């Protein structure tokens, strides 16, 4: 939570959303 704005965390979240958006 303390590092939720960190770039690496953001990348992981983005990847997860991309998978969901692709139907996964």
PDBML (XML) file of the C-alpha atoms, coordinates in Angstrom:
<?xml version="1.0" encoding="UTF-8" ?>
<PDBx:datablock datablockName="MODEL"
   xmlns:PDBx="http://pdbml.pdb.org/schema/pdbx-v50.xsd"
   xmlns:xsi="http://www.w3.org/2001/XMLSchema-instance"
   xsi:schemaLocation="http://pdbml.pdb.org/schema/pdbx-v50.xsd pdbx-v50.xsd">
   <PDBx:atom_siteCategory>
      <PDBx:atom_site id="1">
         <PDBx:B_iso_or_equiv>0.00</PDBx:B_iso_or_equiv>
         <PDBx:Cartn_x>0.000</PDBx:Cartn_x>
         <PDBx:Cartn_y>0.000</PDBx:Cartn_y>
         <PDBx:Cartn_z>0.000</PDBx:Cartn_z>
         <PDBx:auth_asym_id>A</PDBx:auth_asym_id>
         <PDBx:auth_atom_id>CA</PDBx:auth_atom_id>
         <PDBx:auth_comp_id>UNK</PDBx:auth_comp_id>
         <PDBx:auth_seq_id>1</PDBx:auth_seq_id>
         <PDBx:group_PDB>ATOM</PDBx:group_PDB>
         <PDBx:label_alt_id xsi:nil="true" />
         <PDBx:label_asym_id>A</PDBx:label_asym_id>
         <PDBx:label_atom_id>CA</PDBx:label_atom_id>
         <PDBx:label_comp_id>UNK</PDBx:label_comp_id>
         <PDBx:label_entity_id>1</PDBx:label_entity_id>
         <PDBx:label_seq_id>1</PDBx:label_seq_id>
         <PDBx:occupancy>1.00</PDBx:occupancy>
         <PDBx:pdbx_PDB_model_num>1</PDBx:pdbx_PDB_model_num>
         <PDBx:type_symbol>C</PDBx:type_symbol>
      </PDBx:atom_site>
      <PDBx:atom_site id="2">
         <PDBx:B_iso_or_equiv>0.00</PDBx:B_iso_or_equiv>
         <PDBx:Cartn_x>2.836</PDBx:Cartn_x>
         <PDBx:Cartn_y>2.366</PDBx:Cartn_y>
         <PDBx:Cartn_z>0.849</PDBx:Cartn_z>
         <PDBx:auth_asym_id>A</PDBx:auth_asym_id>
         <PDBx:auth_atom_id>CA</PDBx:auth_atom_id>
         <PDBx:auth_comp_id>UNK</PDBx:auth_comp_id>
         <PDBx:auth_seq_id>2</PDBx:auth_seq_id>
         <PDBx:group_PDB>ATOM</PDBx:group_PDB>
         <PDBx:label_alt_id xsi:nil="true" />
         <PDBx:label_asym_id>A</PDBx:label_asym_id>
         <PDBx:label_atom_id>CA</PDBx:label_atom_id>
         <PDBx:label_comp_id>UNK</PDBx:label_comp_id>
         <PDBx:label_entity_id>1</PDBx:label_entity_id>
         <PDBx:label_seq_id>2</PDBx:label_seq_id>
         <PDBx:occupancy>1.00</PDBx:occupancy>
         <PDBx:pdbx_PDB_model_num>1</PDBx:pdbx_PDB_model_num>
         <PDBx:type_symbol>C</PDBx:type_symbol>
      </PDBx:atom_site>
      <PDBx:atom_site id="3">
         <PDBx:B_iso_or_equiv>0.00</PDBx:B_iso_or_equiv>
         <PDBx:Cartn_x>4.365</PDBx:Cartn_x>
         <PDBx:Cartn_y>1.892</PDBx:Cartn_y>
         <PDBx:Cartn_z>-2.583</PDBx:Cartn_z>
         <PDBx:auth_asym_id>A</PDBx:auth_asym_id>
         <PDBx:auth_atom_id>CA</PDBx:auth_atom_id>
         <PDBx:auth_comp_id>UNK</PDBx:auth_comp_id>
         <PDBx:auth_seq_id>3</PDBx:auth_seq_id>
         <PDBx:group_PDB>ATOM</PDBx:group_PDB>
         <PDBx:label_alt_id xsi:nil="true" />
         <PDBx:label_asym_id>A</PDBx:label_asym_id>
         <PDBx:label_atom_id>CA</PDBx:label_atom_id>
         <PDBx:label_comp_id>UNK</PDBx:label_comp_id>
         <PDBx:label_entity_id>1</PDBx:label_entity_id>
         <PDBx:label_seq_id>3</PDBx:label_seq_id>
         <PDBx:occupancy>1.00</PDBx:occupancy>
         <PDBx:pdbx_PDB_model_num>1</PDBx:pdbx_PDB_model_num>
         <PDBx:type_symbol>C</PDBx:type_symbol>
      </PDBx:atom_site>
      <PDBx:atom_site id="4">
         <PDBx:B_iso_or_equiv>0.00</PDBx:B_iso_or_equiv>
         <PDBx:Cartn_x>1.226</PDBx:Cartn_x>
         <PDBx:Cartn_y>1.603</PDBx:Cartn_y>
         <PDBx:Cartn_z>-4.680</PDBx:Cartn_z>
         <PDBx:auth_asym_id>A</PDBx:auth_asym_id>
         <PDBx:auth_atom_id>CA</PDBx:auth_atom_id>
         <PDBx:auth_comp_id>UNK</PDBx:auth_comp_id>
         <PDBx:auth_seq_id>4</PDBx:auth_seq_id>
         <PDBx:group_PDB>ATOM</PDBx:group_PDB>
         <PDBx:label_alt_id xsi:nil="true" />
         <PDBx:label_asym_id>A</PDBx:label_asym_id>
         <PDBx:label_atom_id>CA</PDBx:label_atom_id>
         <PDBx:label_comp_id>UNK</PDBx:label_comp_id>
         <PDBx:label_entity_id>1</PDBx:label_entity_id>
         <PDBx:label_seq_id>4</PDBx:label_seq_id>
         <PDBx:occupancy>1.00</PDBx:occupancy>
         <PDBx:pdbx_PDB_model_num>1</PDBx:pdbx_PDB_model_num>
         <PDBx:type_symbol>C</PDBx:type_symbol>
      </PDBx:atom_site>
      <PDBx:atom_site id="5">
         <PDBx:B_iso_or_equiv>0.00</PDBx:B_iso_or_equiv>
         <PDBx:Cartn_x>2.293</PDBx:Cartn_x>
         <PDBx:Cartn_y>4.588</PDBx:Cartn_y>
         <PDBx:Cartn_z>-6.761</PDBx:Cartn_z>
         <PDBx:auth_asym_id>A</PDBx:auth_asym_id>
         <PDBx:auth_atom_id>CA</PDBx:auth_atom_id>
         <PDBx:auth_comp_id>UNK</PDBx:auth_comp_id>
         <PDBx:auth_seq_id>5</PDBx:auth_seq_id>
         <PDBx:group_PDB>ATOM</PDBx:group_PDB>
         <PDBx:label_alt_id xsi:nil="true" />
         <PDBx:label_asym_id>A</PDBx:label_asym_id>
         <PDBx:label_atom_id>CA</PDBx:label_atom_id>
         <PDBx:label_comp_id>UNK</PDBx:label_comp_id>
         <PDBx:label_entity_id>1</PDBx:label_entity_id>
         <PDBx:label_seq_id>5</PDBx:label_seq_id>
         <PDBx:occupancy>1.00</PDBx:occupancy>
         <PDBx:pdbx_PDB_model_num>1</PDBx:pdbx_PDB_model_num>
         <PDBx:type_symbol>C</PDBx:type_symbol>
      </PDBx:atom_site>
      <PDBx:atom_site id="6">
         <PDBx:B_iso_or_equiv>0.00</PDBx:B_iso_or_equiv>
         <PDBx:Cartn_x>5.652</PDBx:Cartn_x>
         <PDBx:Cartn_y>3.019</PDBx:Cartn_y>
         <PDBx:Cartn_z>-7.585</PDBx:Cartn_z>
         <PDBx:auth_asym_id>A</PDBx:auth_asym_id>
         <PDBx:auth_atom_id>CA</PDBx:auth_atom_id>
         <PDBx:auth_comp_id>UNK</PDBx:auth_comp_id>
         <PDBx:auth_seq_id>6</PDBx:auth_seq_id>
         <PDBx:group_PDB>ATOM</PDBx:group_PDB>
         <PDBx:label_alt_id xsi:nil="true" />
         <PDBx:label_asym_id>A</PDBx:label_asym_id>
         <PDBx:label_atom_id>CA</PDBx:label_atom_id>
         <PDBx:label_comp_id>UNK</PDBx:label_comp_id>
         <PDBx:label_entity_id>1</PDBx:label_entity_id>
         <PDBx:label_seq_id>6</PDBx:label_seq_id>
         <PDBx:occupancy>1.00</PDBx:occupancy>
         <PDBx:pdbx_PDB_model_num>1</PDBx:pdbx_PDB_model_num>
         <PDBx:type_symbol>C</PDBx:type_symbol>
      </PDBx:atom_site>
      <PDBx:atom_site id="7">
         <PDBx:B_iso_or_equiv>0.00</PDBx:B_iso_or_equiv>
         <PDBx:Cartn_x>6.234</PDBx:Cartn_x>
         <PDBx:Cartn_y>2.560</PDBx:Cartn_y>
         <PDBx:Cartn_z>-11.292</PDBx:Cartn_z>
         <PDBx:auth_asym_id>A</PDBx:auth_asym_id>
         <PDBx:auth_atom_id>CA</PDBx:auth_atom_id>
         <PDBx:auth_comp_id>UNK</PDBx:auth_comp_id>
         <PDBx:auth_seq_id>7</PDBx:auth_seq_id>
         <PDBx:group_PDB>ATOM</PDBx:group_PDB>
         <PDBx:label_alt_id xsi:nil="true" />
         <PDBx:label_asym_id>A</PDBx:label_asym_id>
         <PDBx:label_atom_id>CA</PDBx:label_atom_id>
         <PDBx:label_comp_id>UNK</PDBx:label_comp_id>
         <PDBx:label_entity_id>1</PDBx:label_entity_id>
         <PDBx:label_seq_id>7</PDBx:label_seq_id>
         <PDBx:occupancy>1.00</PDBx:occupancy>
         <PDBx:pdbx_PDB_model_num>1</PDBx:pdbx_PDB_model_num>
         <PDBx:type_symbol>C</PDBx:type_symbol>
      </PDBx:atom_site>
      <PDBx:atom_site id="8">
         <PDBx:B_iso_or_equiv>0.00</PDBx:B_iso_or_equiv>
         <PDBx:Cartn_x>6.936</PDBx:Cartn_x>
         <PDBx:Cartn_y>-1.172</PDBx:Cartn_y>
         <PDBx:Cartn_z>-11.005</PDBx:Cartn_z>
         <PDBx:auth_asym_id>A</PDBx:auth_asym_id>
         <PDBx:auth_atom_id>CA</PDBx:auth_atom_id>
         <PDBx:auth_comp_id>UNK</PDBx:auth_comp_id>
         <PDBx:auth_seq_id>8</PDBx:auth_seq_id>
         <PDBx:group_PDB>ATOM</PDBx:group_PDB>
         <PDBx:label_alt_id xsi:nil="true" />
         <PDBx:label_asym_id>A</PDBx:label_asym_id>
         <PDBx:label_atom_id>CA</PDBx:label_atom_id>
         <PDBx:label_comp_id>UNK</PDBx:label_comp_id>
         <PDBx:label_entity_id>1</PDBx:label_entity_id>
         <PDBx:label_seq_id>8</PDBx:label_seq_id>
         <PDBx:occupancy>1.00</PDBx:occupancy>
         <PDBx:pdbx_PDB_model_num>1</PDBx:pdbx_PDB_model_num>
         <PDBx:type_symbol>C</PDBx:type_symbol>
      </PDBx:atom_site>
      <PDBx:atom_site id="9">
         <PDBx:B_iso_or_equiv>0.00</PDBx:B_iso_or_equiv>
         <PDBx:Cartn_x>3.703</PDBx:Cartn_x>
         <PDBx:Cartn_y>-1.755</PDBx:Cartn_y>
         <PDBx:Cartn_z>-9.109</PDBx:Cartn_z>
         <PDBx:auth_asym_id>A</PDBx:auth_asym_id>
         <PDBx:auth_atom_id>CA</PDBx:auth_atom_id>
         <PDBx:auth_comp_id>UNK</PDBx:auth_comp_id>
         <PDBx:auth_seq_id>9</PDBx:auth_seq_id>
         <PDBx:group_PDB>ATOM</PDBx:group_PDB>
         <PDBx:label_alt_id xsi:nil="true" />
         <PDBx:label_asym_id>A</PDBx:label_asym_id>
         <PDBx:label_atom_id>CA</PDBx:label_atom_id>
         <PDBx:label_comp_id>UNK</PDBx:label_comp_id>
         <PDBx:label_entity_id>1</PDBx:label_entity_id>
         <PDBx:label_seq_id>9</PDBx:label_seq_id>
         <PDBx:occupancy>1.00</PDBx:occupancy>
         <PDBx:pdbx_PDB_model_num>1</PDBx:pdbx_PDB_model_num>
         <PDBx:type_symbol>C</PDBx:type_symbol>
      </PDBx:atom_site>
      <PDBx:atom_site id="10">
         <PDBx:B_iso_or_equiv>0.00</PDBx:B_iso_or_equiv>
         <PDBx:Cartn_x>1.841</PDBx:Cartn_x>
         <PDBx:Cartn_y>0.211</PDBx:Cartn_y>
         <PDBx:Cartn_z>-11.712</PDBx:Cartn_z>
         <PDBx:auth_asym_id>A</PDBx:auth_asym_id>
         <PDBx:auth_atom_id>CA</PDBx:auth_atom_id>
         <PDBx:auth_comp_id>UNK</PDBx:auth_comp_id>
         <PDBx:auth_seq_id>10</PDBx:auth_seq_id>
         <PDBx:group_PDB>ATOM</PDBx:group_PDB>
         <PDBx:label_alt_id xsi:nil="true" />
         <PDBx:label_asym_id>A</PDBx:label_asym_id>
         <PDBx:label_atom_id>CA</PDBx:label_atom_id>
         <PDBx:label_comp_id>UNK</PDBx:label_comp_id>
         <PDBx:label_entity_id>1</PDBx:label_entity_id>
         <PDBx:label_seq_id>10</PDBx:label_seq_id>
         <PDBx:occupancy>1.00</PDBx:occupancy>
         <PDBx:pdbx_PDB_model_num>1</PDBx:pdbx_PDB_model_num>
         <PDBx:type_symbol>C</PDBx:type_symbol>
      </PDBx:atom_site>
      <PDBx:atom_site id="11">
         <PDBx:B_iso_or_equiv>0.00</PDBx:B_iso_or_equiv>
         <PDBx:Cartn_x>3.271</PDBx:Cartn_x>
         <PDBx:Cartn_y>-1.958</PDBx:Cartn_y>
         <PDBx:Cartn_z>-14.445</PDBx:Cartn_z>
         <PDBx:auth_asym_id>A</PDBx:auth_asym_id>
         <PDBx:auth_atom_id>CA</PDBx:auth_atom_id>
         <PDBx:auth_comp_id>UNK</PDBx:auth_comp_id>
         <PDBx:auth_seq_id>11</PDBx:auth_seq_id>
         <PDBx:group_PDB>ATOM</PDBx:group_PDB>
         <PDBx:label_alt_id xsi:nil="true" />
         <PDBx:label_asym_id>A</PDBx:label_asym_id>
         <PDBx:label_atom_id>CA</PDBx:label_atom_id>
         <PDBx:label_comp_id>UNK</PDBx:label_comp_id>
         <PDBx:label_entity_id>1</PDBx:label_entity_id>
         <PDBx:label_seq_id>11</PDBx:label_seq_id>
         <PDBx:occupancy>1.00</PDBx:occupancy>
         <PDBx:pdbx_PDB_model_num>1</PDBx:pdbx_PDB_model_num>
         <PDBx:type_symbol>C</PDBx:type_symbol>
      </PDBx:atom_site>
      <PDBx:atom_site id="12">
         <PDBx:B_iso_or_equiv>0.00</PDBx:B_iso_or_equiv>
         <PDBx:Cartn_x>2.050</PDBx:Cartn_x>
         <PDBx:Cartn_y>-5.098</PDBx:Cartn_y>
         <PDBx:Cartn_z>-12.741</PDBx:Cartn_z>
         <PDBx:auth_asym_id>A</PDBx:auth_asym_id>
         <PDBx:auth_atom_id>CA</PDBx:auth_atom_id>
         <PDBx:auth_comp_id>UNK</PDBx:auth_comp_id>
         <PDBx:auth_seq_id>12</PDBx:auth_seq_id>
         <PDBx:group_PDB>ATOM</PDBx:group_PDB>
         <PDBx:label_alt_id xsi:nil="true" />
         <PDBx:label_asym_id>A</PDBx:label_asym_id>
         <PDBx:label_atom_id>CA</PDBx:label_atom_id>
         <PDBx:label_comp_id>UNK</PDBx:label_comp_id>
         <PDBx:label_entity_id>1</PDBx:label_entity_id>
         <PDBx:label_seq_id>12</PDBx:label_seq_id>
         <PDBx:occupancy>1.00</PDBx:occupancy>
         <PDBx:pdbx_PDB_model_num>1</PDBx:pdbx_PDB_model_num>
         <PDBx:type_symbol>C</PDBx:type_symbol>
      </PDBx:atom_site>
      <PDBx:atom_site id="13">
         <PDBx:B_iso_or_equiv>0.00</PDBx:B_iso_or_equiv>
         <PDBx:Cartn_x>-1.426</PDBx:Cartn_x>
         <PDBx:Cartn_y>-3.646</PDBx:Cartn_y>
         <PDBx:Cartn_z>-12.330</PDBx:Cartn_z>
         <PDBx:auth_asym_id>A</PDBx:auth_asym_id>
         <PDBx:auth_atom_id>CA</PDBx:auth_atom_id>
         <PDBx:auth_comp_id>UNK</PDBx:auth_comp_id>
         <PDBx:auth_seq_id>13</PDBx:auth_seq_id>
         <PDBx:group_PDB>ATOM</PDBx:group_PDB>
         <PDBx:label_alt_id xsi:nil="true" />
         <PDBx:label_asym_id>A</PDBx:label_asym_id>
         <PDBx:label_atom_id>CA</PDBx:label_atom_id>
         <PDBx:label_comp_id>UNK</PDBx:label_comp_id>
         <PDBx:label_entity_id>1</PDBx:label_entity_id>
         <PDBx:label_seq_id>13</PDBx:label_seq_id>
         <PDBx:occupancy>1.00</PDBx:occupancy>
         <PDBx:pdbx_PDB_model_num>1</PDBx:pdbx_PDB_model_num>
         <PDBx:type_symbol>C</PDBx:type_symbol>
      </PDBx:atom_site>
      <PDBx:atom_site id="14">
         <PDBx:B_iso_or_equiv>0.00</PDBx:B_iso_or_equiv>
         <PDBx:Cartn_x>-1.462</PDBx:Cartn_x>
         <PDBx:Cartn_y>-2.578</PDBx:Cartn_y>
         <PDBx:Cartn_z>-15.947</PDBx:Cartn_z>
         <PDBx:auth_asym_id>A</PDBx:auth_asym_id>
         <PDBx:auth_atom_id>CA</PDBx:auth_atom_id>
         <PDBx:auth_comp_id>UNK</PDBx:auth_comp_id>
         <PDBx:auth_seq_id>14</PDBx:auth_seq_id>
         <PDBx:group_PDB>ATOM</PDBx:group_PDB>
         <PDBx:label_alt_id xsi:nil="true" />
         <PDBx:label_asym_id>A</PDBx:label_asym_id>
         <PDBx:label_atom_id>CA</PDBx:label_atom_id>
         <PDBx:label_comp_id>UNK</PDBx:label_comp_id>
         <PDBx:label_entity_id>1</PDBx:label_entity_id>
         <PDBx:label_seq_id>14</PDBx:label_seq_id>
         <PDBx:occupancy>1.00</PDBx:occupancy>
         <PDBx:pdbx_PDB_model_num>1</PDBx:pdbx_PDB_model_num>
         <PDBx:type_symbol>C</PDBx:type_symbol>
      </PDBx:atom_site>
      <PDBx:atom_site id="15">
         <PDBx:B_iso_or_equiv>0.00</PDBx:B_iso_or_equiv>
         <PDBx:Cartn_x>-0.489</PDBx:Cartn_x>
         <PDBx:Cartn_y>-6.058</PDBx:Cartn_y>
         <PDBx:Cartn_z>-17.068</PDBx:Cartn_z>
         <PDBx:auth_asym_id>A</PDBx:auth_asym_id>
         <PDBx:auth_atom_id>CA</PDBx:auth_atom_id>
         <PDBx:auth_comp_id>UNK</PDBx:auth_comp_id>
         <PDBx:auth_seq_id>15</PDBx:auth_seq_id>
         <PDBx:group_PDB>ATOM</PDBx:group_PDB>
         <PDBx:label_alt_id xsi:nil="true" />
         <PDBx:label_asym_id>A</PDBx:label_asym_id>
         <PDBx:label_atom_id>CA</PDBx:label_atom_id>
         <PDBx:label_comp_id>UNK</PDBx:label_comp_id>
         <PDBx:label_entity_id>1</PDBx:label_entity_id>
         <PDBx:label_seq_id>15</PDBx:label_seq_id>
         <PDBx:occupancy>1.00</PDBx:occupancy>
         <PDBx:pdbx_PDB_model_num>1</PDBx:pdbx_PDB_model_num>
         <PDBx:type_symbol>C</PDBx:type_symbol>
      </PDBx:atom_site>
      <PDBx:atom_site id="16">
         <PDBx:B_iso_or_equiv>0.00</PDBx:B_iso_or_equiv>
         <PDBx:Cartn_x>-3.235</PDBx:Cartn_x>
         <PDBx:Cartn_y>-7.611</PDBx:Cartn_y>
         <PDBx:Cartn_z>-14.975</PDBx:Cartn_z>
         <PDBx:auth_asym_id>A</PDBx:auth_asym_id>
         <PDBx:auth_atom_id>CA</PDBx:auth_atom_id>
         <PDBx:auth_comp_id>UNK</PDBx:auth_comp_id>
         <PDBx:auth_seq_id>16</PDBx:auth_seq_id>
         <PDBx:group_PDB>ATOM</PDBx:group_PDB>
         <PDBx:label_alt_id xsi:nil="true" />
         <PDBx:label_asym_id>A</PDBx:label_asym_id>
         <PDBx:label_atom_id>CA</PDBx:label_atom_id>
         <PDBx:label_comp_id>UNK</PDBx:label_comp_id>
         <PDBx:label_entity_id>1</PDBx:label_entity_id>
         <PDBx:label_seq_id>16</PDBx:label_seq_id>
         <PDBx:occupancy>1.00</PDBx:occupancy>
         <PDBx:pdbx_PDB_model_num>1</PDBx:pdbx_PDB_model_num>
         <PDBx:type_symbol>C</PDBx:type_symbol>
      </PDBx:atom_site>
      <PDBx:atom_site id="17">
         <PDBx:B_iso_or_equiv>0.00</PDBx:B_iso_or_equiv>
         <PDBx:Cartn_x>-5.814</PDBx:Cartn_x>
         <PDBx:Cartn_y>-5.262</PDBx:Cartn_y>
         <PDBx:Cartn_z>-16.458</PDBx:Cartn_z>
         <PDBx:auth_asym_id>A</PDBx:auth_asym_id>
         <PDBx:auth_atom_id>CA</PDBx:auth_atom_id>
         <PDBx:auth_comp_id>UNK</PDBx:auth_comp_id>
         <PDBx:auth_seq_id>17</PDBx:auth_seq_id>
         <PDBx:group_PDB>ATOM</PDBx:group_PDB>
         <PDBx:label_alt_id xsi:nil="true" />
         <PDBx:label_asym_id>A</PDBx:label_asym_id>
         <PDBx:label_atom_id>CA</PDBx:label_atom_id>
         <PDBx:label_comp_id>UNK</PDBx:label_comp_id>
         <PDBx:label_entity_id>1</PDBx:label_entity_id>
         <PDBx:label_seq_id>17</PDBx:label_seq_id>
         <PDBx:occupancy>1.00</PDBx:occupancy>
         <PDBx:pdbx_PDB_model_num>1</PDBx:pdbx_PDB_model_num>
         <PDBx:type_symbol>C</PDBx:type_symbol>
      </PDBx:atom_site>
      <PDBx:atom_site id="18">
         <PDBx:B_iso_or_equiv>0.00</PDBx:B_iso_or_equiv>
         <PDBx:Cartn_x>-4.549</PDBx:Cartn_x>
         <PDBx:Cartn_y>-5.997</PDBx:Cartn_y>
         <PDBx:Cartn_z>-19.939</PDBx:Cartn_z>
         <PDBx:auth_asym_id>A</PDBx:auth_asym_id>
         <PDBx:auth_atom_id>CA</PDBx:auth_atom_id>
         <PDBx:auth_comp_id>UNK</PDBx:auth_comp_id>
         <PDBx:auth_seq_id>18</PDBx:auth_seq_id>
         <PDBx:group_PDB>ATOM</PDBx:group_PDB>
         <PDBx:label_alt_id xsi:nil="true" />
         <PDBx:label_asym_id>A</PDBx:label_asym_id>
         <PDBx:label_atom_id>CA</PDBx:label_atom_id>
         <PDBx:label_comp_id>UNK</PDBx:label_comp_id>
         <PDBx:label_entity_id>1</PDBx:label_entity_id>
         <PDBx:label_seq_id>18</PDBx:label_seq_id>
         <PDBx:occupancy>1.00</PDBx:occupancy>
         <PDBx:pdbx_PDB_model_num>1</PDBx:pdbx_PDB_model_num>
         <PDBx:type_symbol>C</PDBx:type_symbol>
      </PDBx:atom_site>
      <PDBx:atom_site id="19">
         <PDBx:B_iso_or_equiv>0.00</PDBx:B_iso_or_equiv>
         <PDBx:Cartn_x>-5.044</PDBx:Cartn_x>
         <PDBx:Cartn_y>-9.712</PDBx:Cartn_y>
         <PDBx:Cartn_z>-19.411</PDBx:Cartn_z>
         <PDBx:auth_asym_id>A</PDBx:auth_asym_id>
         <PDBx:auth_atom_id>CA</PDBx:auth_atom_id>
         <PDBx:auth_comp_id>UNK</PDBx:auth_comp_id>
         <PDBx:auth_seq_id>19</PDBx:auth_seq_id>
         <PDBx:group_PDB>ATOM</PDBx:group_PDB>
         <PDBx:label_alt_id xsi:nil="true" />
         <PDBx:label_asym_id>A</PDBx:label_asym_id>
         <PDBx:label_atom_id>CA</PDBx:label_atom_id>
         <PDBx:label_comp_id>UNK</PDBx:label_comp_id>
         <PDBx:label_entity_id>1</PDBx:label_entity_id>
         <PDBx:label_seq_id>19</PDBx:label_seq_id>
         <PDBx:occupancy>1.00</PDBx:occupancy>
         <PDBx:pdbx_PDB_model_num>1</PDBx:pdbx_PDB_model_num>
         <PDBx:type_symbol>C</PDBx:type_symbol>
      </PDBx:atom_site>
      <PDBx:atom_site id="20">
         <PDBx:B_iso_or_equiv>0.00</PDBx:B_iso_or_equiv>
         <PDBx:Cartn_x>-8.578</PDBx:Cartn_x>
         <PDBx:Cartn_y>-9.158</PDBx:Cartn_y>
         <PDBx:Cartn_z>-18.134</PDBx:Cartn_z>
         <PDBx:auth_asym_id>A</PDBx:auth_asym_id>
         <PDBx:auth_atom_id>CA</PDBx:auth_atom_id>
         <PDBx:auth_comp_id>UNK</PDBx:auth_comp_id>
         <PDBx:auth_seq_id>20</PDBx:auth_seq_id>
         <PDBx:group_PDB>ATOM</PDBx:group_PDB>
         <PDBx:label_alt_id xsi:nil="true" />
         <PDBx:label_asym_id>A</PDBx:label_asym_id>
         <PDBx:label_atom_id>CA</PDBx:label_atom_id>
         <PDBx:label_comp_id>UNK</PDBx:label_comp_id>
         <PDBx:label_entity_id>1</PDBx:label_entity_id>
         <PDBx:label_seq_id>20</PDBx:label_seq_id>
         <PDBx:occupancy>1.00</PDBx:occupancy>
         <PDBx:pdbx_PDB_model_num>1</PDBx:pdbx_PDB_model_num>
         <PDBx:type_symbol>C</PDBx:type_symbol>
      </PDBx:atom_site>
      <PDBx:atom_site id="21">
         <PDBx:B_iso_or_equiv>0.00</PDBx:B_iso_or_equiv>
         <PDBx:Cartn_x>-9.386</PDBx:Cartn_x>
         <PDBx:Cartn_y>-6.852</PDBx:Cartn_y>
         <PDBx:Cartn_z>-21.013</PDBx:Cartn_z>
         <PDBx:auth_asym_id>A</PDBx:auth_asym_id>
         <PDBx:auth_atom_id>CA</PDBx:auth_atom_id>
         <PDBx:auth_comp_id>UNK</PDBx:auth_comp_id>
         <PDBx:auth_seq_id>21</PDBx:auth_seq_id>
         <PDBx:group_PDB>ATOM</PDBx:group_PDB>
         <PDBx:label_alt_id xsi:nil="true" />
         <PDBx:label_asym_id>A</PDBx:label_asym_id>
         <PDBx:label_atom_id>CA</PDBx:label_atom_id>
         <PDBx:label_comp_id>UNK</PDBx:label_comp_id>
         <PDBx:label_entity_id>1</PDBx:label_entity_id>
         <PDBx:label_seq_id>21</PDBx:label_seq_id>
         <PDBx:occupancy>1.00</PDBx:occupancy>
         <PDBx:pdbx_PDB_model_num>1</PDBx:pdbx_PDB_model_num>
         <PDBx:type_symbol>C</PDBx:type_symbol>
      </PDBx:atom_site>
      <PDBx:atom_site id="22">
         <PDBx:B_iso_or_equiv>0.00</PDBx:B_iso_or_equiv>
         <PDBx:Cartn_x>-8.197</PDBx:Cartn_x>
         <PDBx:Cartn_y>-9.484</PDBx:Cartn_y>
         <PDBx:Cartn_z>-23.459</PDBx:Cartn_z>
         <PDBx:auth_asym_id>A</PDBx:auth_asym_id>
         <PDBx:auth_atom_id>CA</PDBx:auth_atom_id>
         <PDBx:auth_comp_id>UNK</PDBx:auth_comp_id>
         <PDBx:auth_seq_id>22</PDBx:auth_seq_id>
         <PDBx:group_PDB>ATOM</PDBx:group_PDB>
         <PDBx:label_alt_id xsi:nil="true" />
         <PDBx:label_asym_id>A</PDBx:label_asym_id>
         <PDBx:label_atom_id>CA</PDBx:label_atom_id>
         <PDBx:label_comp_id>UNK</PDBx:label_comp_id>
         <PDBx:label_entity_id>1</PDBx:label_entity_id>
         <PDBx:label_seq_id>22</PDBx:label_seq_id>
         <PDBx:occupancy>1.00</PDBx:occupancy>
         <PDBx:pdbx_PDB_model_num>1</PDBx:pdbx_PDB_model_num>
         <PDBx:type_symbol>C</PDBx:type_symbol>
      </PDBx:atom_site>
      <PDBx:atom_site id="23">
         <PDBx:B_iso_or_equiv>0.00</PDBx:B_iso_or_equiv>
         <PDBx:Cartn_x>-10.759</PDBx:Cartn_x>
         <PDBx:Cartn_y>-11.930</PDBx:Cartn_y>
         <PDBx:Cartn_z>-22.121</PDBx:Cartn_z>
         <PDBx:auth_asym_id>A</PDBx:auth_asym_id>
         <PDBx:auth_atom_id>CA</PDBx:auth_atom_id>
         <PDBx:auth_comp_id>UNK</PDBx:auth_comp_id>
         <PDBx:auth_seq_id>23</PDBx:auth_seq_id>
         <PDBx:group_PDB>ATOM</PDBx:group_PDB>
         <PDBx:label_alt_id xsi:nil="true" />
         <PDBx:label_asym_id>A</PDBx:label_asym_id>
         <PDBx:label_atom_id>CA</PDBx:label_atom_id>
         <PDBx:label_comp_id>UNK</PDBx:label_comp_id>
         <PDBx:label_entity_id>1</PDBx:label_entity_id>
         <PDBx:label_seq_id>23</PDBx:label_seq_id>
         <PDBx:occupancy>1.00</PDBx:occupancy>
         <PDBx:pdbx_PDB_model_num>1</PDBx:pdbx_PDB_model_num>
         <PDBx:type_symbol>C</PDBx:type_symbol>
      </PDBx:atom_site>
      <PDBx:atom_site id="24">
         <PDBx:B_iso_or_equiv>0.00</PDBx:B_iso_or_equiv>
         <PDBx:Cartn_x>-8.429</PDBx:Cartn_x>
         <PDBx:Cartn_y>-13.714</PDBx:Cartn_y>
         <PDBx:Cartn_z>-19.694</PDBx:Cartn_z>
         <PDBx:auth_asym_id>A</PDBx:auth_asym_id>
         <PDBx:auth_atom_id>CA</PDBx:auth_atom_id>
         <PDBx:auth_comp_id>UNK</PDBx:auth_comp_id>
         <PDBx:auth_seq_id>24</PDBx:auth_seq_id>
         <PDBx:group_PDB>ATOM</PDBx:group_PDB>
         <PDBx:label_alt_id xsi:nil="true" />
         <PDBx:label_asym_id>A</PDBx:label_asym_id>
         <PDBx:label_atom_id>CA</PDBx:label_atom_id>
         <PDBx:label_comp_id>UNK</PDBx:label_comp_id>
         <PDBx:label_entity_id>1</PDBx:label_entity_id>
         <PDBx:label_seq_id>24</PDBx:label_seq_id>
         <PDBx:occupancy>1.00</PDBx:occupancy>
         <PDBx:pdbx_PDB_model_num>1</PDBx:pdbx_PDB_model_num>
         <PDBx:type_symbol>C</PDBx:type_symbol>
      </PDBx:atom_site>
   </PDBx:atom_siteCategory>
</PDBx:datablock>
